[in-house]
Amino acid sequence: MTLISITDCRFCSLISKANGEDPIGSAPIADHWLIIELPQPWATQVFQADADIQPVFALMRKVVLQGVKLRPIAIAPDREYSQPGYRRILYYDRSHLSMSAFEPQEYLVPTAKLGEFATALLKQISGQPSHLERFELYRQANCSMRDILVCTHGNVDVACSRFGFPIYDKLRKAYANETLRVWRCSHFGGHQYAPTLVDLPSGRYWGHLELETLDTLVHQQGNPLDLYRFYRGWAGLAKFEQIAERELWMREGWDWLTYQKQGRVLKLGENGLLHWIRHLLRWIPSRRLNRLLERSKQDARWAIVQIDYAAPDGSVGGSYRARVEVSGQIQTAIRSAEQMTLVPVNQYRVTGLNKLVYP
């Protein structure tokens, strides 16, 4: 175990890293990203507190409660990227199940129209009539832009600001260019993995980052193993698929990141009683109950998953099947605090990985 000082023990991410917590499988799954430029300081509940976006917060919650996998994130205005009187909105979605990255749209909307625009976009996401075409004149060219969002949201957890800002500062000063923007962003989950970031449009999450890793992460060159312990997973896959996907990346190399892919759990190893309770309760028409049932699957002892993939030009493709199982438990801290509370969490490994051969 890595030794840390008493004064550092209040930071959850240092406890997590020192105790060897593996961040893989912690990437929140998403089909849609709604990223809105909002001035700092940010409250804990940033979208509830901001006057310009507060009127649409209820609609945002309604869309999520309907089962839409939407990730709303705030980004801080930037001296170079931002324009007075306007707000930038980045929207990414998975238009197809099998993708290598999310489809980007970008708008630069007058601040006075921000709520109206956000309402129209949310209605479109939920399948309602939206008249989003009224905002087409504010749409920006964004086909080749890469956006890296670093969580520095200290009002959610102090670890995010304490460790996130140095990573943001290094990326912003040393790596940002005409095709790569770097933003400070609000919390998107996993402060015990701070410093953490999400890379878009690829949709890949990273955590426990160190300054020495940034060159490999940005340029995607060198040995992928150098990033192994910092990878949280890809937002297009769920927990057990993310764990298997990391091993496939190590096997296939950097080209793997460009492959279109989709995954599914074929079998889940869990307590038999829990399985039957879930089977009976799934007939009850309750979205909240269904979400709780889905969440309960996260602690399964093992899973058999399949990931199908193909190169964009069709030159490479196939399927892998993997067994993911618990390798042990570690103690970790979920939140930073003066008096730290530790909780046990399962750690997983891939014990079988086979490429399927079809006749």
Protein backbone atom coordinates (compact mmCIF):
# COMPACT_ATOMS: atom_id res chain seq x y z
CA MET A 1 0.00 0.00 0.00
CA THR A 2 1.27 3.49 -0.86
CA LEU A 3 1.89 5.64 2.22
CA ILE A 4 -0.01 8.92 2.40
CA SER A 5 0.18 11.66 5.01
CA ILE A 6 -2.44 12.26 7.68
CA THR A 7 -3.31 15.65 6.13
CA ASP A 8 -4.08 13.94 2.81
CA CYS A 9 -6.40 11.33 4.32
CA ARG A 10 -9.43 13.57 3.87
CA PHE A 11 -9.23 13.19 0.07
CA CYS A 12 -11.23 10.19 -1.11
CA SER A 13 -9.24 9.80 -4.34
CA LEU A 14 -5.94 9.41 -2.47
CA ILE A 15 -7.43 6.67 -0.30
CA SER A 16 -8.83 4.98 -3.41
CA LYS A 17 -5.53 5.13 -5.27
CA ALA A 18 -3.39 4.12 -2.30
CA ASN A 19 -5.59 1.08 -1.64
CA GLY A 20 -5.34 0.00 -5.26
CA GLU A 21 -8.92 0.60 -6.42
CA ASP A 22 -9.19 -0.11 -10.15
CA PRO A 23 -11.34 2.56 -11.88
CA ILE A 24 -12.34 0.31 -14.80
CA GLY A 25 -16.09 -0.24 -15.12
CA SER A 26 -16.95 3.07 -13.43
CA ALA A 27 -17.73 5.07 -16.59
CA PRO A 28 -21.37 6.26 -16.55
CA ILE A 29 -23.13 4.92 -19.62
CA ALA A 30 -24.63 7.54 -21.93
CA ASP A 31 -26.56 7.77 -25.17
CA HIS A 32 -26.73 11.57 -25.06
CA TRP A 33 -24.49 14.32 -23.68
CA LEU A 34 -25.80 17.84 -23.09
CA ILE A 35 -22.89 20.12 -22.23
CA ILE A 36 -23.74 23.74 -21.48
CA GLU A 37 -21.44 26.68 -20.87
CA LEU A 38 -22.36 28.17 -17.47
CA PRO A 39 -20.41 30.77 -15.47
CA GLN A 40 -18.75 29.82 -12.22
CA PRO A 41 -18.98 29.55 -9.25
CA TRP A 42 -21.07 26.39 -9.44
CA ALA A 43 -23.33 25.20 -6.67
CA THR A 44 -23.45 21.50 -5.82
CA GLN A 45 -26.55 21.17 -8.03
CA VAL A 46 -25.30 23.37 -10.84
CA PHE A 47 -28.33 23.17 -13.14
CA GLN A 48 -30.79 23.87 -10.35
CA ALA A 49 -28.89 26.95 -9.19
CA ASP A 50 -28.14 28.68 -12.52
CA ALA A 51 -30.89 31.17 -13.37
CA ASP A 52 -30.43 30.79 -17.14
CA ILE A 53 -30.99 27.04 -17.18
CA GLN A 54 -33.13 26.50 -14.05
CA PRO A 55 -36.47 26.72 -15.95
CA VAL A 56 -35.58 23.60 -17.99
CA PHE A 57 -34.17 21.58 -15.09
CA ALA A 58 -37.53 19.89 -14.49
CA LEU A 59 -37.68 18.81 -18.15
CA MET A 60 -34.11 17.52 -17.90
CA ARG A 61 -35.08 15.37 -14.92
CA LYS A 62 -38.22 14.16 -16.67
CA VAL A 63 -36.20 13.01 -19.69
CA VAL A 64 -33.82 11.07 -17.43
CA LEU A 65 -36.69 9.52 -15.47
CA GLN A 66 -38.17 8.33 -18.76
CA GLY A 67 -35.10 6.11 -19.10
CA VAL A 68 -33.12 8.27 -21.53
CA LYS A 69 -29.40 7.90 -20.80
CA LEU A 70 -28.61 11.62 -20.76
CA ARG A 71 -25.50 13.16 -19.16
CA PRO A 72 -25.86 16.91 -18.51
CA ILE A 73 -22.55 18.66 -17.75
CA ALA A 74 -21.62 22.31 -17.26
CA ILE A 75 -18.41 23.77 -18.70
CA ALA A 76 -16.80 26.99 -17.50
CA PRO A 77 -16.44 29.93 -19.91
CA ASP A 78 -12.96 30.22 -21.37
CA ARG A 79 -11.20 33.44 -22.38
CA GLU A 80 -10.36 32.04 -25.81
CA TYR A 81 -13.37 29.84 -26.57
CA SER A 82 -16.24 31.94 -25.21
CA GLN A 83 -18.07 34.96 -26.63
CA PRO A 84 -19.74 37.64 -24.47
CA GLY A 85 -23.51 37.43 -24.59
CA TYR A 86 -23.50 33.85 -25.91
CA ARG A 87 -23.38 30.36 -24.45
CA ARG A 88 -21.82 27.34 -26.11
CA ILE A 89 -23.76 24.07 -26.11
CA LEU A 90 -22.15 20.78 -27.09
CA TYR A 91 -24.50 17.91 -27.84
CA TYR A 92 -23.33 14.35 -28.53
CA ASP A 93 -25.45 11.31 -29.20
CA ARG A 94 -25.29 7.67 -30.22
CA SER A 95 -27.36 7.63 -33.37
CA HIS A 96 -26.50 3.95 -33.90
CA LEU A 97 -25.87 1.16 -31.39
CA SER A 98 -22.58 0.22 -33.03
CA MET A 99 -20.27 3.23 -33.00
CA SER A 100 -16.68 4.12 -32.22
CA ALA A 101 -17.54 7.67 -31.08
CA PHE A 102 -20.50 9.92 -30.42
CA GLU A 103 -21.99 12.20 -33.09
CA PRO A 104 -21.28 15.88 -32.27
CA GLN A 105 -23.43 18.98 -32.67
CA GLU A 106 -22.41 22.42 -31.44
CA TYR A 107 -24.37 25.63 -30.98
CA LEU A 108 -23.44 29.16 -29.93
CA VAL A 109 -26.71 30.58 -28.59
CA PRO A 110 -27.49 34.06 -27.24
CA THR A 111 -27.70 33.89 -23.45
CA ALA A 112 -31.27 35.20 -23.56
CA LYS A 113 -32.29 32.20 -25.71
CA LEU A 114 -30.42 29.53 -23.72
CA GLY A 115 -33.46 28.21 -21.85
CA GLU A 116 -35.59 28.16 -25.00
CA PHE A 117 -32.89 26.31 -26.93
CA ALA A 118 -32.24 23.79 -24.15
CA THR A 119 -35.98 23.06 -23.95
CA ALA A 120 -36.17 22.43 -27.70
CA LEU A 121 -33.16 20.12 -27.64
CA LEU A 122 -34.46 18.14 -24.67
CA LYS A 123 -37.82 17.71 -26.38
CA GLN A 124 -36.05 16.37 -29.46
CA ILE A 125 -34.06 13.93 -27.33
CA SER A 126 -37.27 12.62 -25.73
CA GLY A 127 -39.02 12.29 -29.08
CA GLN A 128 -41.38 15.26 -28.74
CA PRO A 129 -42.01 17.99 -31.34
CA SER A 130 -39.23 20.50 -30.72
CA HIS A 131 -38.86 22.94 -33.66
CA LEU A 132 -35.11 22.81 -33.10
CA GLU A 133 -34.63 24.01 -36.68
CA ARG A 134 -35.34 27.55 -35.43
CA PHE A 135 -31.85 27.55 -33.91
CA GLU A 136 -30.01 26.33 -37.00
CA LEU A 137 -28.40 29.75 -37.54
CA TYR A 138 -26.56 29.28 -34.23
CA ARG A 139 -25.10 25.91 -35.20
CA GLN A 140 -21.29 25.73 -35.44
CA ALA A 141 -18.95 23.58 -37.52
CA ASN A 142 -17.61 20.88 -35.18
CA CYS A 143 -16.85 17.80 -37.26
CA SER A 144 -13.13 17.65 -36.39
CA MET A 145 -13.10 19.16 -32.90
CA ARG A 146 -12.03 17.18 -29.83
CA ASP A 147 -13.13 18.36 -26.39
CA ILE A 148 -11.53 17.21 -23.14
CA LEU A 149 -13.56 17.96 -20.01
CA VAL A 150 -11.74 17.88 -16.66
CA CYS A 151 -13.84 17.81 -13.49
CA THR A 152 -12.81 20.61 -11.10
CA HIS A 153 -16.16 20.81 -9.29
CA GLY A 154 -14.96 21.27 -5.72
CA ASN A 155 -18.43 22.00 -4.32
CA VAL A 156 -19.32 18.37 -4.97
CA ASP A 157 -16.07 16.97 -3.62
CA VAL A 158 -12.86 18.80 -2.73
CA ALA A 159 -10.75 16.09 -4.41
CA CYS A 160 -12.06 17.19 -7.80
CA SER A 161 -10.76 20.75 -7.44
CA ARG A 162 -7.60 19.82 -5.53
CA PHE A 163 -6.41 17.27 -8.11
CA GLY A 164 -8.45 18.18 -11.17
CA PHE A 165 -7.17 21.71 -11.65
CA PRO A 166 -3.47 20.80 -12.14
CA ILE A 167 -4.48 18.29 -14.83
CA TYR A 168 -6.75 20.87 -16.49
CA ASP A 169 -4.04 23.54 -16.31
CA LYS A 170 -1.42 21.29 -17.92
CA LEU A 171 -3.78 20.15 -20.69
CA ARG A 172 -4.99 23.69 -21.38
CA LYS A 173 -1.51 25.22 -21.58
CA ALA A 174 0.45 22.40 -23.22
CA TYR A 175 -2.01 20.52 -25.45
CA ALA A 176 -4.93 22.73 -26.51
CA ASN A 177 -4.82 23.71 -30.17
CA GLU A 178 -7.09 24.48 -33.13
CA THR A 179 -8.62 20.97 -33.02
CA LEU A 180 -8.45 20.26 -29.25
CA ARG A 181 -10.25 22.30 -26.61
CA VAL A 182 -9.83 21.75 -22.87
CA TRP A 183 -12.57 22.75 -20.44
CA ARG A 184 -13.16 22.87 -16.70
CA CYS A 185 -16.39 20.99 -16.11
CA SER A 186 -18.91 20.09 -13.43
CA HIS A 187 -19.13 16.75 -11.71
CA PHE A 188 -19.98 13.67 -13.81
CA GLY A 189 -19.51 10.94 -11.22
CA GLY A 190 -16.59 9.16 -9.60
CA HIS A 191 -14.85 11.76 -7.46
CA GLN A 192 -12.97 8.93 -5.71
CA TYR A 193 -11.08 8.62 -9.02
CA ALA A 194 -10.06 12.30 -9.15
CA PRO A 195 -8.46 13.71 -11.15
CA THR A 196 -10.92 12.47 -13.74
CA LEU A 197 -11.83 13.58 -17.25
CA VAL A 198 -13.99 12.62 -20.21
CA ASP A 199 -12.69 12.75 -23.78
CA LEU A 200 -15.26 13.62 -26.45
CA PRO A 201 -16.46 12.69 -29.01
CA SER A 202 -14.83 9.34 -28.16
CA GLY A 203 -16.75 9.13 -24.86
CA ARG A 204 -13.89 7.64 -22.85
CA TYR A 205 -13.48 8.33 -19.14
CA TRP A 206 -10.18 8.47 -17.26
CA GLY A 207 -9.35 8.63 -13.56
CA HIS A 208 -6.52 8.70 -10.99
CA LEU A 209 -4.65 10.66 -13.66
CA GLU A 210 -1.04 11.75 -13.34
CA LEU A 211 0.67 14.54 -15.27
CA GLU A 212 3.08 12.02 -16.81
CA THR A 213 0.18 10.17 -18.48
CA LEU A 214 -1.17 13.11 -20.46
CA ASP A 215 1.15 12.82 -23.46
CA THR A 216 0.07 9.23 -24.11
CA LEU A 217 -3.59 10.01 -23.46
CA VAL A 218 -3.71 13.00 -25.82
CA HIS A 219 -1.55 11.70 -28.66
CA GLN A 220 -2.64 8.04 -28.39
CA GLN A 221 0.85 6.78 -29.14
CA GLY A 222 3.27 4.56 -27.28
CA ASN A 223 2.32 1.56 -25.18
CA PRO A 224 -1.42 1.35 -24.32
CA LEU A 225 -0.43 -0.47 -21.12
CA ASP A 226 0.79 2.88 -19.80
CA LEU A 227 -2.87 3.94 -19.55
CA TYR A 228 -4.26 0.63 -18.29
CA ARG A 229 -4.73 1.62 -14.63
CA PHE A 230 -6.20 5.03 -15.46
CA TYR A 231 -9.00 3.89 -17.79
CA ARG A 232 -12.53 4.09 -16.39
CA GLY A 233 -14.21 2.79 -19.54
CA TRP A 234 -16.21 3.77 -22.61
CA ALA A 235 -19.64 5.39 -22.18
CA GLY A 236 -21.15 3.20 -24.91
CA LEU A 237 -20.80 0.06 -22.78
CA ALA A 238 -22.06 -1.00 -19.34
CA LYS A 239 -19.90 -2.01 -16.36
CA PHE A 240 -18.93 -5.61 -17.15
CA GLU A 241 -18.55 -4.87 -20.86
CA GLN A 242 -16.22 -1.97 -20.00
CA ILE A 243 -14.00 -4.30 -17.98
CA ALA A 244 -13.73 -6.73 -20.92
CA GLU A 245 -13.26 -3.91 -23.44
CA ARG A 246 -10.10 -2.69 -21.71
CA GLU A 247 -8.49 -6.11 -22.21
CA LEU A 248 -9.48 -6.05 -25.88
CA TRP A 249 -7.86 -2.65 -26.30
CA MET A 250 -4.66 -4.04 -24.83
CA ARG A 251 -4.82 -6.98 -27.22
CA GLU A 252 -5.77 -5.09 -30.38
CA GLY A 253 -3.73 -1.91 -29.84
CA TRP A 254 -4.59 1.69 -30.68
CA ASP A 255 -6.66 0.74 -33.73
CA TRP A 256 -9.23 -0.69 -31.32
CA LEU A 257 -10.29 2.85 -30.36
CA THR A 258 -11.42 3.48 -33.95
CA TYR A 259 -13.51 0.31 -34.25
CA GLN A 260 -17.30 0.42 -34.14
CA LYS A 261 -18.45 -1.75 -31.27
CA GLN A 262 -21.37 -2.84 -29.17
CA GLY A 263 -21.62 -5.15 -26.20
CA ARG A 264 -24.09 -7.17 -24.19
CA VAL A 265 -24.19 -9.32 -21.08
CA LEU A 266 -25.05 -12.91 -21.96
CA LYS A 267 -25.18 -14.29 -18.43
CA LEU A 268 -24.94 -12.82 -14.96
CA GLY A 269 -23.74 -14.73 -11.92
CA GLU A 270 -25.67 -13.59 -8.87
CA ASN A 271 -27.52 -14.88 -5.84
CA GLY A 272 -30.37 -17.14 -6.99
CA LEU A 273 -32.94 -15.56 -4.65
CA LEU A 274 -32.07 -12.09 -5.91
CA HIS A 275 -32.47 -13.32 -9.48
CA TRP A 276 -36.00 -14.58 -8.82
CA ILE A 277 -37.00 -11.44 -6.91
CA ARG A 278 -35.85 -9.35 -9.87
CA HIS A 279 -37.70 -11.65 -12.27
CA LEU A 280 -40.96 -11.17 -10.35
CA LEU A 281 -40.60 -7.43 -9.75
CA ARG A 282 -39.80 -6.58 -13.36
CA TRP A 283 -43.51 -6.95 -14.20
CA ILE A 284 -44.38 -4.05 -11.90
CA PRO A 285 -44.70 -0.91 -14.09
CA SER A 286 -42.36 1.38 -12.15
CA ARG A 287 -39.43 3.17 -13.77
CA ARG A 288 -37.83 3.84 -10.39
CA LEU A 289 -38.09 0.18 -9.43
CA ASN A 290 -36.63 -0.87 -12.76
CA ARG A 291 -33.68 1.47 -12.22
CA LEU A 292 -33.08 -0.04 -8.79
CA LEU A 293 -33.24 -3.53 -10.26
CA GLU A 294 -30.72 -2.61 -12.92
CA ARG A 295 -28.44 -1.07 -10.31
CA SER A 296 -28.56 -4.24 -8.23
CA LYS A 297 -26.89 -6.13 -11.07
CA GLN A 298 -23.70 -4.13 -10.59
CA ASP A 299 -22.54 -6.35 -7.72
CA ALA A 300 -22.83 -9.66 -9.57
CA ARG A 301 -20.02 -12.12 -8.81
CA TRP A 302 -19.35 -12.80 -12.47
CA ALA A 303 -20.64 -12.09 -15.96
CA ILE A 304 -20.25 -13.50 -19.46
CA VAL A 305 -20.17 -10.67 -22.01
CA GLN A 306 -19.85 -10.42 -25.76
CA ILE A 307 -18.42 -7.49 -27.70
CA ASP A 308 -18.89 -7.23 -31.45
CA TYR A 309 -16.60 -4.92 -33.41
CA ALA A 310 -15.73 -3.77 -36.92
CA ALA A 311 -13.31 -1.33 -38.50
CA PRO A 312 -15.05 1.64 -40.17
CA ASP A 313 -14.02 0.40 -43.63
CA GLY A 314 -15.09 -3.18 -42.89
CA SER A 315 -11.57 -4.55 -43.26
CA VAL A 316 -11.55 -5.96 -39.71
CA GLY A 317 -14.39 -7.33 -37.64
CA GLY A 318 -15.58 -10.07 -35.37
CA SER A 319 -16.71 -10.87 -31.84
CA TYR A 320 -15.06 -11.58 -28.52
CA ARG A 321 -16.58 -13.36 -25.56
CA ALA A 322 -15.19 -12.80 -22.07
CA ARG A 323 -15.75 -13.93 -18.51
CA VAL A 324 -15.48 -11.18 -15.90
CA GLU A 325 -15.38 -12.18 -12.25
CA VAL A 326 -14.66 -10.82 -8.79
CA SER A 327 -10.97 -10.96 -7.92
CA GLY A 328 -11.32 -9.61 -4.37
CA GLN A 329 -12.37 -6.58 -2.38
CA ILE A 330 -10.65 -3.39 -1.26
CA GLN A 331 -11.63 -0.64 1.13
CA THR A 332 -12.24 2.73 -0.46
CA ALA A 333 -13.65 6.15 0.36
CA ILE A 334 -16.63 7.38 -1.64
CA ARG A 335 -16.43 10.99 -0.42
CA SER A 336 -13.74 13.28 0.95
CA ALA A 337 -14.16 14.19 4.60
CA GLU A 338 -12.21 15.09 7.73
CA GLN A 339 -13.37 11.79 9.26
CA MET A 340 -13.16 9.30 6.42
CA THR A 341 -15.64 6.44 6.07
CA LEU A 342 -14.35 3.40 4.21
CA VAL A 343 -16.57 0.94 2.37
CA PRO A 344 -15.77 -2.40 0.70
CA VAL A 345 -16.00 -2.57 -3.10
CA ASN A 346 -15.57 -5.53 -5.42
CA GLN A 347 -12.62 -5.64 -7.78
CA TYR A 348 -12.91 -7.54 -11.06
CA ARG A 349 -10.67 -9.22 -13.59
CA VAL A 350 -11.11 -10.93 -16.95
CA THR A 351 -10.41 -14.65 -16.56
CA GLY A 352 -11.37 -15.77 -20.05
CA LEU A 353 -11.19 -13.94 -23.36
CA ASN A 354 -11.86 -15.72 -26.64
CA LYS A 355 -12.36 -14.58 -30.18
CA LEU A 356 -15.39 -16.25 -31.70
CA VAL A 357 -14.91 -18.19 -34.91
CA TYR A 358 -17.98 -18.50 -37.09
CA PRO A 359 -18.33 -21.27 -39.70
